[in-house]
N, C-alpha and C. Protein backbone atom coordinates (compact mmCIF):
# COMPACT_ATOMS: atom_id res chain seq x y z
N UNK A 1 -11.58 -13.46 10.94
CA UNK A 1 -11.86 -12.43 9.88
C UNK A 1 -11.32 -12.96 8.56
N UNK A 2 -12.11 -12.66 7.50
CA UNK A 2 -11.72 -13.02 6.15
C UNK A 2 -11.28 -11.79 5.37
N UNK A 3 -10.23 -11.91 4.63
CA UNK A 3 -9.76 -10.84 3.80
C UNK A 3 -9.69 -11.34 2.40
N UNK A 4 -10.48 -10.75 1.53
CA UNK A 4 -10.46 -11.04 0.06
C UNK A 4 -9.32 -10.18 -0.50
N UNK A 5 -8.27 -10.80 -1.09
CA UNK A 5 -7.03 -10.12 -1.28
C UNK A 5 -6.25 -10.76 -2.36
N UNK A 6 -5.31 -10.02 -2.91
CA UNK A 6 -4.28 -10.46 -3.87
C UNK A 6 -3.00 -9.75 -3.53
N UNK A 7 -1.94 -10.44 -3.29
CA UNK A 7 -0.65 -9.92 -2.91
C UNK A 7 -0.14 -8.98 -3.95
N UNK A 8 -0.60 -9.08 -5.19
CA UNK A 8 -0.12 -8.13 -6.23
C UNK A 8 -0.64 -6.73 -6.01
N UNK A 9 -1.73 -6.59 -5.36
CA UNK A 9 -2.37 -5.27 -5.16
C UNK A 9 -1.71 -4.57 -3.95
N UNK A 10 -1.14 -3.34 -4.18
CA UNK A 10 -0.56 -2.53 -3.14
C UNK A 10 -1.52 -2.28 -2.04
N UNK A 11 -2.82 -1.97 -2.25
CA UNK A 11 -3.74 -1.76 -1.15
C UNK A 11 -3.92 -3.01 -0.23
N UNK A 12 -3.87 -4.17 -0.90
CA UNK A 12 -3.97 -5.43 -0.14
C UNK A 12 -2.68 -5.58 0.67
N UNK A 13 -1.55 -5.28 0.06
CA UNK A 13 -0.30 -5.39 0.86
C UNK A 13 -0.36 -4.54 2.05
N UNK A 14 -0.91 -3.38 1.95
CA UNK A 14 -0.93 -2.47 3.10
C UNK A 14 -1.77 -3.00 4.27
N UNK A 15 -2.92 -3.57 3.87
CA UNK A 15 -3.78 -4.14 4.97
C UNK A 15 -3.15 -5.31 5.61
N UNK A 16 -2.45 -6.17 4.73
CA UNK A 16 -1.76 -7.36 5.32
C UNK A 16 -0.70 -6.92 6.31
N UNK A 17 0.07 -5.85 6.00
CA UNK A 17 1.08 -5.40 6.88
C UNK A 17 0.49 -4.80 8.17
N UNK A 18 -0.62 -4.12 8.07
CA UNK A 18 -1.24 -3.57 9.25
C UNK A 18 -1.69 -4.74 10.18
N UNK A 19 -2.29 -5.79 9.62
CA UNK A 19 -2.69 -6.88 10.35
C UNK A 19 -1.49 -7.65 11.03
N UNK A 20 -0.37 -7.70 10.28
CA UNK A 20 0.82 -8.27 10.86
C UNK A 20 1.27 -7.52 12.09
N UNK A 21 1.32 -6.21 11.91
CA UNK A 21 1.81 -5.34 13.02
C UNK A 21 0.89 -5.46 14.22
N UNK A 22 -0.38 -5.67 14.05
CA UNK A 22 -1.36 -5.78 15.17
C UNK A 22 -1.42 -7.19 15.66
N UNK A 23 -0.81 -8.16 15.00
CA UNK A 23 -0.87 -9.53 15.44
C UNK A 23 -2.21 -10.17 15.19
N UNK A 24 -2.84 -9.68 14.14
CA UNK A 24 -4.19 -10.26 13.81
C UNK A 24 -4.09 -11.35 12.76
N UNK A 25 -4.73 -12.45 13.02
CA UNK A 25 -4.74 -13.60 12.03
C UNK A 25 -5.96 -13.42 11.11
N UNK A 26 -5.59 -13.39 9.80
CA UNK A 26 -6.63 -13.22 8.79
C UNK A 26 -6.81 -14.52 7.97
N UNK A 27 -7.93 -14.83 7.67
CA UNK A 27 -8.24 -15.92 6.70
C UNK A 27 -8.22 -15.28 5.30
N UNK A 28 -7.06 -15.40 4.62
CA UNK A 28 -6.97 -14.70 3.37
C UNK A 28 -7.53 -15.55 2.22
N UNK A 29 -8.44 -14.96 1.50
CA UNK A 29 -9.07 -15.61 0.35
C UNK A 29 -8.57 -14.88 -0.92
N UNK A 30 -7.73 -15.59 -1.72
CA UNK A 30 -7.15 -15.00 -2.87
C UNK A 30 -8.23 -14.71 -3.89
N UNK A 31 -8.24 -13.41 -4.33
CA UNK A 31 -9.28 -12.98 -5.27
C UNK A 31 -8.59 -12.30 -6.43
N UNK A 32 -8.97 -12.72 -7.58
CA UNK A 32 -8.43 -12.09 -8.84
C UNK A 32 -9.54 -11.38 -9.48
N UNK A 33 -9.44 -10.02 -9.61
CA UNK A 33 -10.49 -9.25 -10.14
C UNK A 33 -10.59 -9.41 -11.70
N UNK A 34 -9.71 -10.16 -12.28
CA UNK A 34 -9.77 -10.56 -13.67
C UNK A 34 -10.48 -11.85 -13.95
N UNK A 35 -10.89 -12.47 -12.86
CA UNK A 35 -11.57 -13.80 -12.93
C UNK A 35 -13.07 -13.58 -12.58
N UNK A 36 -13.93 -13.93 -13.53
CA UNK A 36 -15.39 -13.70 -13.40
C UNK A 36 -15.96 -14.30 -12.10
N UNK A 37 -15.59 -15.48 -11.75
CA UNK A 37 -16.11 -16.12 -10.59
C UNK A 37 -15.69 -15.39 -9.29
N UNK A 38 -14.45 -14.89 -9.27
CA UNK A 38 -14.00 -14.12 -8.10
C UNK A 38 -14.74 -12.82 -7.96
N UNK A 39 -14.98 -12.20 -9.09
CA UNK A 39 -15.71 -10.90 -9.14
C UNK A 39 -17.14 -11.10 -8.66
N UNK A 40 -17.75 -12.20 -9.11
CA UNK A 40 -19.10 -12.49 -8.66
C UNK A 40 -19.19 -12.73 -7.18
N UNK A 41 -18.19 -13.46 -6.63
CA UNK A 41 -18.19 -13.73 -5.17
C UNK A 41 -17.99 -12.44 -4.40
N UNK A 42 -17.14 -11.52 -4.94
CA UNK A 42 -16.85 -10.27 -4.25
C UNK A 42 -18.13 -9.40 -4.33
N UNK A 43 -18.79 -9.39 -5.47
CA UNK A 43 -19.97 -8.45 -5.59
C UNK A 43 -21.03 -8.77 -4.61
N UNK A 44 -21.15 -10.03 -4.16
CA UNK A 44 -22.16 -10.40 -3.20
C UNK A 44 -21.84 -9.68 -1.88
N UNK A 45 -20.64 -9.37 -1.61
CA UNK A 45 -20.23 -8.69 -0.37
C UNK A 45 -20.08 -7.17 -0.55
N UNK A 46 -19.50 -6.80 -1.71
CA UNK A 46 -19.05 -5.44 -1.97
C UNK A 46 -19.56 -5.03 -3.33
N UNK A 47 -20.49 -4.13 -3.50
CA UNK A 47 -21.00 -3.79 -4.86
C UNK A 47 -19.93 -3.25 -5.75
N UNK A 48 -18.85 -2.76 -5.27
CA UNK A 48 -17.76 -2.27 -6.07
C UNK A 48 -16.80 -3.37 -6.46
N UNK A 49 -16.99 -4.51 -5.93
CA UNK A 49 -16.18 -5.75 -6.12
C UNK A 49 -14.71 -5.47 -6.24
N UNK A 50 -14.23 -4.74 -5.29
CA UNK A 50 -12.78 -4.30 -5.21
C UNK A 50 -12.09 -5.10 -4.07
N UNK A 51 -10.79 -5.23 -4.19
CA UNK A 51 -10.01 -5.77 -3.17
C UNK A 51 -9.05 -4.70 -2.61
N UNK A 52 -8.71 -4.74 -1.39
CA UNK A 52 -9.15 -5.74 -0.38
C UNK A 52 -10.58 -5.51 0.14
N UNK A 53 -11.25 -6.60 0.55
CA UNK A 53 -12.52 -6.54 1.23
C UNK A 53 -12.38 -7.39 2.43
N UNK A 54 -12.75 -6.79 3.60
CA UNK A 54 -12.72 -7.47 4.88
C UNK A 54 -14.10 -7.86 5.35
N UNK A 55 -14.20 -9.15 5.86
CA UNK A 55 -15.50 -9.53 6.50
C UNK A 55 -15.15 -9.95 7.92
N UNK A 56 -15.71 -9.26 8.87
CA UNK A 56 -15.55 -9.53 10.30
C UNK A 56 -16.91 -9.82 10.96
N UNK A 57 -17.11 -11.13 11.11
CA UNK A 57 -18.39 -11.61 11.72
C UNK A 57 -19.56 -10.96 11.00
N UNK A 58 -19.58 -11.05 9.72
CA UNK A 58 -20.68 -10.48 8.89
C UNK A 58 -20.60 -9.06 8.53
N UNK A 59 -19.74 -8.30 9.21
CA UNK A 59 -19.51 -6.91 8.85
C UNK A 59 -18.51 -6.79 7.73
N UNK A 60 -18.90 -6.05 6.68
CA UNK A 60 -18.06 -5.94 5.54
C UNK A 60 -17.47 -4.57 5.43
N UNK A 61 -16.22 -4.46 5.15
CA UNK A 61 -15.52 -3.20 4.98
C UNK A 61 -14.65 -3.34 3.74
N UNK A 62 -14.69 -2.35 2.87
CA UNK A 62 -13.74 -2.30 1.74
C UNK A 62 -13.09 -0.90 1.63
N UNK A 63 -12.17 -0.80 0.72
CA UNK A 63 -11.19 0.30 0.63
C UNK A 63 -10.16 0.13 1.73
N UNK A 64 -8.91 0.05 1.26
CA UNK A 64 -7.76 -0.28 2.15
C UNK A 64 -7.63 0.63 3.34
N UNK A 65 -7.82 1.97 3.08
CA UNK A 65 -7.69 2.96 4.23
C UNK A 65 -8.80 2.80 5.21
N UNK A 66 -9.98 2.43 4.78
CA UNK A 66 -11.15 2.24 5.75
C UNK A 66 -10.84 0.97 6.51
N UNK A 67 -10.36 -0.07 5.85
CA UNK A 67 -10.09 -1.36 6.57
C UNK A 67 -9.02 -1.16 7.57
N UNK A 68 -7.96 -0.44 7.21
CA UNK A 68 -6.88 -0.11 8.22
C UNK A 68 -7.33 0.63 9.40
N UNK A 69 -8.18 1.63 9.22
CA UNK A 69 -8.74 2.42 10.28
C UNK A 69 -9.61 1.57 11.16
N UNK A 70 -10.42 0.72 10.59
CA UNK A 70 -11.28 -0.18 11.28
C UNK A 70 -10.43 -1.14 12.20
N UNK A 71 -9.38 -1.65 11.67
CA UNK A 71 -8.58 -2.59 12.41
C UNK A 71 -7.86 -1.88 13.61
N UNK A 72 -7.31 -0.72 13.38
CA UNK A 72 -6.64 -0.03 14.44
C UNK A 72 -7.49 0.42 15.53
N UNK A 73 -8.76 0.88 15.11
CA UNK A 73 -9.71 1.36 16.11
C UNK A 73 -10.28 0.19 16.92
N UNK A 74 -10.22 -1.03 16.38
CA UNK A 74 -10.77 -2.19 17.06
C UNK A 74 -9.68 -2.89 17.92
N UNK A 75 -8.44 -2.92 17.41
CA UNK A 75 -7.37 -3.72 18.00
C UNK A 75 -6.22 -3.00 18.55
N UNK A 76 -6.07 -1.76 18.15
CA UNK A 76 -4.88 -0.94 18.61
C UNK A 76 -5.35 0.01 19.67
N UNK A 77 -5.72 -0.55 20.83
CA UNK A 77 -6.31 0.22 21.95
C UNK A 77 -5.38 1.31 22.46
N UNK A 78 -4.05 1.09 22.39
CA UNK A 78 -3.11 2.07 22.90
C UNK A 78 -2.81 3.13 21.83
N UNK A 79 -3.29 3.01 20.68
CA UNK A 79 -3.13 4.04 19.67
C UNK A 79 -1.66 4.16 19.19
N UNK A 80 -1.02 3.03 18.93
CA UNK A 80 0.36 3.06 18.48
C UNK A 80 0.38 3.33 16.99
N UNK A 81 -0.32 2.55 16.12
CA UNK A 81 -0.31 2.82 14.73
C UNK A 81 -1.16 4.03 14.32
N UNK A 82 -2.15 4.33 15.14
CA UNK A 82 -3.01 5.47 14.84
C UNK A 82 -3.11 6.32 16.20
N UNK A 83 -2.10 7.16 16.44
CA UNK A 83 -2.03 7.82 17.71
C UNK A 83 -3.29 8.60 18.11
N UNK A 84 -3.53 8.59 19.43
CA UNK A 84 -4.70 9.26 19.89
C UNK A 84 -4.59 10.74 20.08
N UNK A 85 -3.33 11.19 20.22
CA UNK A 85 -3.10 12.63 20.38
C UNK A 85 -3.61 13.36 19.07
N UNK A 86 -4.47 14.31 19.20
CA UNK A 86 -5.05 14.97 17.96
C UNK A 86 -3.97 15.59 17.04
N UNK A 87 -2.94 16.15 17.59
CA UNK A 87 -1.94 16.79 16.77
C UNK A 87 -1.14 15.73 16.02
N UNK A 88 -0.73 14.71 16.69
CA UNK A 88 0.03 13.59 16.03
C UNK A 88 -0.80 12.93 15.03
N UNK A 89 -2.11 12.59 15.38
CA UNK A 89 -3.04 11.98 14.45
C UNK A 89 -3.31 12.84 13.21
N UNK A 90 -3.27 14.12 13.37
CA UNK A 90 -3.52 15.00 12.21
C UNK A 90 -2.39 14.86 11.24
N UNK A 91 -1.13 14.64 11.68
CA UNK A 91 -0.03 14.49 10.80
C UNK A 91 -0.14 13.07 10.11
N UNK A 92 -0.56 12.05 10.82
CA UNK A 92 -0.74 10.76 10.21
C UNK A 92 -1.83 10.88 9.11
N UNK A 93 -2.92 11.57 9.44
CA UNK A 93 -4.00 11.74 8.47
C UNK A 93 -3.52 12.44 7.24
N UNK A 94 -2.72 13.54 7.45
CA UNK A 94 -2.28 14.32 6.32
C UNK A 94 -1.38 13.41 5.37
N UNK A 95 -0.53 12.61 5.98
CA UNK A 95 0.33 11.72 5.20
C UNK A 95 -0.51 10.65 4.43
N UNK A 96 -1.55 10.16 5.09
CA UNK A 96 -2.40 9.24 4.44
C UNK A 96 -3.12 9.79 3.25
N UNK A 97 -3.62 11.08 3.47
CA UNK A 97 -4.32 11.71 2.37
C UNK A 97 -3.38 12.10 1.25
N UNK A 98 -2.16 12.46 1.67
CA UNK A 98 -1.07 12.77 0.62
C UNK A 98 -0.86 11.52 -0.16
N UNK A 99 -0.79 10.38 0.50
CA UNK A 99 -0.54 9.09 -0.25
C UNK A 99 -1.68 8.86 -1.29
N UNK A 100 -2.92 8.81 -0.76
CA UNK A 100 -3.93 8.41 -1.69
C UNK A 100 -4.24 9.46 -2.76
N UNK A 101 -4.02 10.73 -2.44
CA UNK A 101 -4.31 11.82 -3.42
C UNK A 101 -3.22 12.26 -4.25
N UNK A 102 -1.97 11.98 -3.85
CA UNK A 102 -0.80 12.50 -4.61
C UNK A 102 0.21 11.37 -4.95
N UNK A 103 0.77 10.72 -3.98
CA UNK A 103 1.85 9.83 -4.22
C UNK A 103 1.41 8.49 -4.97
N UNK A 104 0.54 7.75 -4.26
CA UNK A 104 0.00 6.52 -4.94
C UNK A 104 -0.75 6.81 -6.18
N UNK A 105 -1.43 7.95 -6.17
CA UNK A 105 -2.24 8.31 -7.33
C UNK A 105 -1.34 8.46 -8.56
N UNK A 106 -0.17 9.07 -8.40
CA UNK A 106 0.72 9.30 -9.53
C UNK A 106 1.57 8.07 -9.83
N UNK A 107 1.86 7.24 -8.86
CA UNK A 107 2.53 5.95 -9.15
C UNK A 107 1.62 5.08 -9.97
N UNK A 108 0.36 5.00 -9.62
CA UNK A 108 -0.64 4.20 -10.32
C UNK A 108 -0.84 4.74 -11.75
N UNK A 109 -0.91 6.05 -11.86
CA UNK A 109 -1.10 6.67 -13.16
C UNK A 109 0.16 6.35 -14.06
N UNK A 110 1.34 6.37 -13.44
CA UNK A 110 2.52 6.01 -14.24
C UNK A 110 2.51 4.64 -14.76
N UNK A 111 2.01 3.67 -13.93
CA UNK A 111 1.88 2.27 -14.35
C UNK A 111 0.87 2.15 -15.48
N UNK A 112 -0.28 2.86 -15.38
CA UNK A 112 -1.32 2.88 -16.43
C UNK A 112 -0.71 3.39 -17.71
N UNK A 113 0.00 4.40 -17.63
CA UNK A 113 0.59 5.04 -18.87
C UNK A 113 1.63 4.07 -19.49
N UNK A 114 2.45 3.49 -18.63
CA UNK A 114 3.44 2.52 -19.11
C UNK A 114 2.80 1.34 -19.83
N UNK A 115 1.70 0.83 -19.27
CA UNK A 115 1.07 -0.33 -19.92
C UNK A 115 0.35 0.09 -21.21
N UNK A 116 -0.17 1.32 -21.22
CA UNK A 116 -0.90 1.75 -22.43
C UNK A 116 0.05 2.25 -23.52
N UNK A 117 1.11 2.94 -23.15
CA UNK A 117 1.94 3.67 -24.20
C UNK A 117 3.40 3.14 -24.19
N UNK A 118 3.70 2.23 -23.37
CA UNK A 118 5.08 1.71 -23.20
C UNK A 118 6.06 2.71 -22.70
N UNK A 119 5.54 3.88 -22.24
CA UNK A 119 6.40 4.86 -21.59
C UNK A 119 5.53 5.78 -20.67
N UNK A 120 6.21 6.49 -19.82
CA UNK A 120 5.58 7.41 -18.93
C UNK A 120 5.80 8.81 -19.47
N UNK A 121 4.74 9.60 -19.58
CA UNK A 121 4.87 10.95 -20.12
C UNK A 121 5.71 11.85 -19.29
N UNK A 122 6.28 12.87 -19.87
CA UNK A 122 7.08 13.87 -19.23
C UNK A 122 6.34 14.52 -18.12
N UNK A 123 5.13 14.87 -18.41
CA UNK A 123 4.23 15.53 -17.46
C UNK A 123 4.06 14.67 -16.19
N UNK A 124 3.79 13.35 -16.40
CA UNK A 124 3.54 12.48 -15.28
C UNK A 124 4.83 12.27 -14.54
N UNK A 125 5.94 12.12 -15.24
CA UNK A 125 7.29 12.06 -14.59
C UNK A 125 7.55 13.21 -13.66
N UNK A 126 7.12 14.43 -14.12
CA UNK A 126 7.29 15.65 -13.31
C UNK A 126 6.42 15.55 -12.02
N UNK A 127 5.22 15.13 -12.23
CA UNK A 127 4.29 15.00 -11.04
C UNK A 127 4.84 13.96 -10.07
N UNK A 128 5.33 12.85 -10.53
CA UNK A 128 5.84 11.79 -9.69
C UNK A 128 7.09 12.31 -8.95
N UNK A 129 7.97 13.08 -9.66
CA UNK A 129 9.18 13.52 -9.00
C UNK A 129 8.77 14.55 -7.92
N UNK A 130 7.77 15.41 -8.14
CA UNK A 130 7.37 16.35 -7.13
C UNK A 130 6.78 15.59 -5.92
N UNK A 131 6.04 14.52 -6.12
CA UNK A 131 5.52 13.74 -5.04
C UNK A 131 6.61 13.05 -4.18
N UNK A 132 7.66 12.60 -4.94
CA UNK A 132 8.72 11.96 -4.25
C UNK A 132 9.61 12.95 -3.53
N UNK A 133 9.76 14.14 -4.12
CA UNK A 133 10.42 15.23 -3.41
C UNK A 133 9.82 15.55 -2.07
N UNK A 134 8.47 15.57 -2.04
CA UNK A 134 7.74 15.85 -0.83
C UNK A 134 7.94 14.71 0.15
N UNK A 135 7.89 13.50 -0.37
CA UNK A 135 8.06 12.33 0.51
C UNK A 135 9.44 12.39 1.16
N UNK A 136 10.45 12.70 0.38
CA UNK A 136 11.78 12.78 0.92
C UNK A 136 11.83 13.78 2.08
N UNK A 137 11.12 14.91 1.94
CA UNK A 137 11.08 15.93 2.97
C UNK A 137 10.35 15.32 4.24
N UNK A 138 9.30 14.62 4.03
CA UNK A 138 8.42 14.14 5.09
C UNK A 138 9.26 13.09 5.93
N UNK A 139 10.02 12.19 5.19
CA UNK A 139 10.67 11.11 5.96
C UNK A 139 11.96 11.60 6.64
N UNK A 140 12.43 12.80 6.32
CA UNK A 140 13.63 13.35 7.01
C UNK A 140 13.35 14.32 8.12
N UNK A 141 12.05 14.70 8.22
CA UNK A 141 11.61 15.66 9.28
C UNK A 141 11.55 15.00 10.64
N UNK A 142 11.19 13.66 10.64
CA UNK A 142 10.92 12.91 11.93
C UNK A 142 11.67 11.58 11.79
N UNK A 143 11.58 10.83 12.86
CA UNK A 143 12.13 9.50 12.83
C UNK A 143 11.41 8.58 11.80
N UNK A 144 10.13 8.77 11.76
CA UNK A 144 9.31 8.03 10.76
C UNK A 144 8.55 9.19 9.99
N UNK A 145 7.61 8.76 9.17
CA UNK A 145 7.02 9.73 8.23
C UNK A 145 6.00 10.70 8.91
N UNK A 146 5.44 10.29 10.04
CA UNK A 146 4.45 11.11 10.68
C UNK A 146 4.64 11.28 12.18
N UNK A 147 5.58 10.45 12.79
CA UNK A 147 5.77 10.50 14.21
C UNK A 147 7.17 9.99 14.56
N UNK A 148 7.41 9.79 15.81
CA UNK A 148 8.74 9.26 16.23
C UNK A 148 8.72 7.67 16.28
N UNK A 149 7.64 7.11 15.75
CA UNK A 149 7.51 5.66 15.68
C UNK A 149 6.61 5.33 14.48
N UNK A 150 6.57 3.98 14.16
CA UNK A 150 5.80 3.52 13.04
C UNK A 150 4.36 3.83 13.19
N UNK A 151 3.64 4.33 12.12
CA UNK A 151 2.25 4.54 12.14
C UNK A 151 1.64 3.97 10.79
N UNK A 152 0.34 4.10 10.75
CA UNK A 152 -0.34 3.69 9.46
C UNK A 152 0.28 4.37 8.24
N UNK A 153 0.67 5.68 8.43
CA UNK A 153 1.17 6.43 7.28
C UNK A 153 2.44 5.78 6.73
N UNK A 154 3.35 5.27 7.59
CA UNK A 154 4.53 4.59 7.10
C UNK A 154 4.16 3.32 6.22
N UNK A 155 3.18 2.56 6.73
CA UNK A 155 2.80 1.33 6.01
C UNK A 155 2.22 1.68 4.58
N UNK A 156 1.40 2.67 4.57
CA UNK A 156 0.77 2.95 3.27
C UNK A 156 1.73 3.66 2.31
N UNK A 157 2.57 4.52 2.77
CA UNK A 157 3.56 5.13 1.96
C UNK A 157 4.61 4.11 1.48
N UNK A 158 4.96 3.19 2.35
CA UNK A 158 5.82 2.14 1.92
C UNK A 158 5.28 1.31 0.76
N UNK A 159 3.97 1.06 0.81
CA UNK A 159 3.30 0.31 -0.31
C UNK A 159 3.42 1.11 -1.61
N UNK A 160 3.31 2.43 -1.53
CA UNK A 160 3.47 3.22 -2.80
C UNK A 160 4.94 3.18 -3.31
N UNK A 161 5.83 3.24 -2.36
CA UNK A 161 7.28 3.17 -2.81
C UNK A 161 7.62 1.83 -3.40
N UNK A 162 7.12 0.79 -2.78
CA UNK A 162 7.37 -0.56 -3.29
C UNK A 162 6.83 -0.73 -4.62
N UNK A 163 5.66 -0.05 -4.93
CA UNK A 163 5.04 -0.23 -6.22
C UNK A 163 5.82 0.39 -7.32
N UNK A 164 6.74 1.31 -6.98
CA UNK A 164 7.61 1.91 -7.98
C UNK A 164 8.41 0.83 -8.73
N UNK A 165 8.51 -0.38 -8.15
CA UNK A 165 9.25 -1.46 -8.81
C UNK A 165 8.60 -1.72 -10.20
N UNK A 166 7.34 -1.44 -10.41
CA UNK A 166 6.70 -1.64 -11.70
C UNK A 166 7.35 -0.70 -12.72
N UNK A 167 7.77 0.46 -12.26
CA UNK A 167 8.32 1.44 -13.18
C UNK A 167 9.84 1.40 -13.25
N UNK A 168 10.40 0.46 -12.43
CA UNK A 168 11.87 0.37 -12.36
C UNK A 168 12.43 1.72 -12.01
N UNK A 169 11.80 2.39 -11.11
CA UNK A 169 12.19 3.80 -10.71
C UNK A 169 13.49 3.80 -9.88
N UNK A 170 14.36 4.64 -10.25
CA UNK A 170 15.69 4.80 -9.52
C UNK A 170 15.51 5.78 -8.41
N UNK A 171 15.69 5.35 -7.19
CA UNK A 171 15.56 6.17 -5.96
C UNK A 171 16.92 6.72 -5.55
N UNK A 172 17.95 6.66 -6.40
CA UNK A 172 19.25 7.09 -6.02
C UNK A 172 19.27 8.55 -5.41
N UNK A 173 18.44 9.42 -6.03
CA UNK A 173 18.47 10.81 -5.60
C UNK A 173 17.67 11.01 -4.34
N UNK A 174 17.15 9.98 -3.70
CA UNK A 174 16.38 10.07 -2.52
C UNK A 174 16.94 9.24 -1.37
N UNK A 175 18.10 9.69 -0.81
CA UNK A 175 18.70 8.87 0.28
C UNK A 175 17.83 8.82 1.54
N UNK A 176 17.01 9.85 1.78
CA UNK A 176 16.13 9.79 2.90
C UNK A 176 15.07 8.75 2.79
N UNK A 177 14.48 8.55 1.61
CA UNK A 177 13.50 7.58 1.37
C UNK A 177 14.15 6.17 1.49
N UNK A 178 15.30 5.99 0.93
CA UNK A 178 15.97 4.72 0.96
C UNK A 178 16.28 4.27 2.39
N UNK A 179 16.71 5.28 3.21
CA UNK A 179 17.01 4.96 4.62
C UNK A 179 15.73 4.69 5.38
N UNK A 180 14.68 5.45 5.14
CA UNK A 180 13.41 5.25 5.74
C UNK A 180 12.81 3.87 5.47
N UNK A 181 12.94 3.42 4.20
CA UNK A 181 12.43 2.14 3.79
C UNK A 181 13.06 1.03 4.63
N UNK A 182 14.39 1.11 4.83
CA UNK A 182 15.06 0.13 5.64
C UNK A 182 14.55 0.10 7.06
N UNK A 183 14.27 1.30 7.59
CA UNK A 183 13.80 1.47 8.94
C UNK A 183 12.41 0.88 9.11
N UNK A 184 11.52 1.15 8.14
CA UNK A 184 10.16 0.70 8.27
C UNK A 184 10.13 -0.81 8.05
N UNK A 185 10.82 -1.34 7.05
CA UNK A 185 10.74 -2.82 6.83
C UNK A 185 11.33 -3.54 8.00
N UNK A 186 12.31 -2.92 8.71
CA UNK A 186 12.91 -3.63 9.85
C UNK A 186 11.86 -3.82 10.95
N UNK A 187 10.75 -3.12 10.93
CA UNK A 187 9.65 -3.26 11.87
C UNK A 187 8.92 -4.55 11.72
N UNK A 188 9.16 -5.25 10.62
CA UNK A 188 8.47 -6.47 10.28
C UNK A 188 9.50 -7.60 10.16
N UNK A 189 9.63 -8.47 11.12
CA UNK A 189 10.73 -9.49 11.11
C UNK A 189 10.65 -10.40 9.82
N UNK A 190 9.48 -10.59 9.27
CA UNK A 190 9.40 -11.47 8.09
C UNK A 190 9.18 -10.68 6.82
N UNK A 191 9.61 -9.40 6.83
CA UNK A 191 9.37 -8.63 5.62
C UNK A 191 10.07 -9.13 4.36
N UNK A 192 11.27 -9.66 4.49
CA UNK A 192 11.92 -10.17 3.31
C UNK A 192 11.08 -11.27 2.59
N UNK A 193 10.46 -12.11 3.39
CA UNK A 193 9.60 -13.16 2.80
C UNK A 193 8.36 -12.53 2.20
N UNK A 194 7.83 -11.52 2.88
CA UNK A 194 6.63 -10.80 2.36
C UNK A 194 6.97 -10.13 1.01
N UNK A 195 8.06 -9.49 1.00
CA UNK A 195 8.51 -8.81 -0.30
C UNK A 195 8.72 -9.83 -1.41
N UNK A 196 9.31 -10.97 -1.01
CA UNK A 196 9.54 -11.97 -2.06
C UNK A 196 8.24 -12.47 -2.62
N UNK A 197 7.22 -12.62 -1.78
CA UNK A 197 5.88 -13.09 -2.16
C UNK A 197 5.33 -11.99 -3.15
N UNK A 198 5.52 -10.73 -2.81
CA UNK A 198 4.96 -9.62 -3.70
C UNK A 198 5.68 -9.75 -5.06
N UNK A 199 7.03 -9.90 -5.10
CA UNK A 199 7.74 -9.95 -6.35
C UNK A 199 7.30 -11.11 -7.19
N UNK A 200 7.17 -12.29 -6.56
CA UNK A 200 6.80 -13.48 -7.30
C UNK A 200 5.41 -13.42 -7.78
N UNK A 201 4.55 -12.91 -6.98
CA UNK A 201 3.09 -12.78 -7.46
C UNK A 201 2.96 -11.83 -8.59
N UNK A 202 3.74 -10.68 -8.48
CA UNK A 202 3.65 -9.63 -9.50
C UNK A 202 4.25 -10.15 -10.83
N UNK A 203 5.38 -10.92 -10.72
CA UNK A 203 5.97 -11.44 -11.94
C UNK A 203 5.00 -12.35 -12.68
N UNK A 204 4.27 -13.19 -11.96
CA UNK A 204 3.27 -14.09 -12.53
C UNK A 204 2.11 -13.31 -13.14
N UNK A 205 1.69 -12.22 -12.46
CA UNK A 205 0.61 -11.40 -12.97
C UNK A 205 1.06 -10.72 -14.27
N UNK A 206 2.20 -10.16 -14.27
CA UNK A 206 2.73 -9.46 -15.49
C UNK A 206 2.89 -10.50 -16.61
N UNK A 207 3.39 -11.60 -16.37
CA UNK A 207 3.63 -12.63 -17.45
C UNK A 207 2.31 -12.98 -18.15
N UNK A 208 1.16 -12.94 -17.40
CA UNK A 208 -0.11 -13.33 -17.95
C UNK A 208 -0.80 -12.10 -18.59
N UNK A 209 -0.77 -10.96 -17.89
CA UNK A 209 -1.58 -9.84 -18.28
C UNK A 209 -0.83 -8.75 -19.01
N UNK A 210 0.47 -8.59 -18.90
CA UNK A 210 1.25 -7.52 -19.61
C UNK A 210 2.63 -8.06 -19.87
N UNK A 211 2.72 -9.11 -20.74
CA UNK A 211 4.06 -9.74 -20.92
C UNK A 211 5.14 -8.87 -21.54
N UNK A 212 4.79 -7.75 -22.08
CA UNK A 212 5.81 -6.85 -22.70
C UNK A 212 6.48 -6.00 -21.64
N UNK A 213 5.94 -5.99 -20.46
CA UNK A 213 6.56 -5.15 -19.36
C UNK A 213 7.73 -5.82 -18.70
N UNK A 214 8.84 -5.08 -18.63
CA UNK A 214 9.97 -5.59 -17.87
C UNK A 214 9.82 -5.29 -16.39
N UNK A 215 10.06 -6.28 -15.56
CA UNK A 215 9.85 -6.06 -14.13
C UNK A 215 11.01 -6.70 -13.37
């Protein structure tokens, strides 16, 4: 399977971690959506020319949540990352929808504001705090964010929390989140190297595309 990806992208990070947990080997093709040739190559597969884009024996899937669901439905036959029990799965789904519609949405909006205005508005800070308050509640209700073990929801929410690095966000007031992050990352033996790759790639991206940003 081929994955058109860039480690700087949180959605790509999420798919890569899902593949790691499932023991899937991916042929990663680095794609920079700011490079015309890469965009042209992506457009031939995906009319939205977004990353990540997965190609599995000619079958093309894009959007990170759709890719993750495709992978677990194909390779996670026991339903570990995406539990088969309807009630447990409903909680995983809720957390995933919370991530895309609230948490990651506001983290990304904060980054956009920071890049455009050199600061995050009070209104967006309020929305982000509310999203993190909810996240704190979710990660302290159970052993993990949606079940008593790691699921897709943990991986995607971890990606959003990691992306707060762009905002240099202080998580001191969220002990539950900080504890949960340690628990989730411990599920990946090579996570320290993975995180280092994220940091190095992001620093390079920022140096080229937004040099005024402190990271």
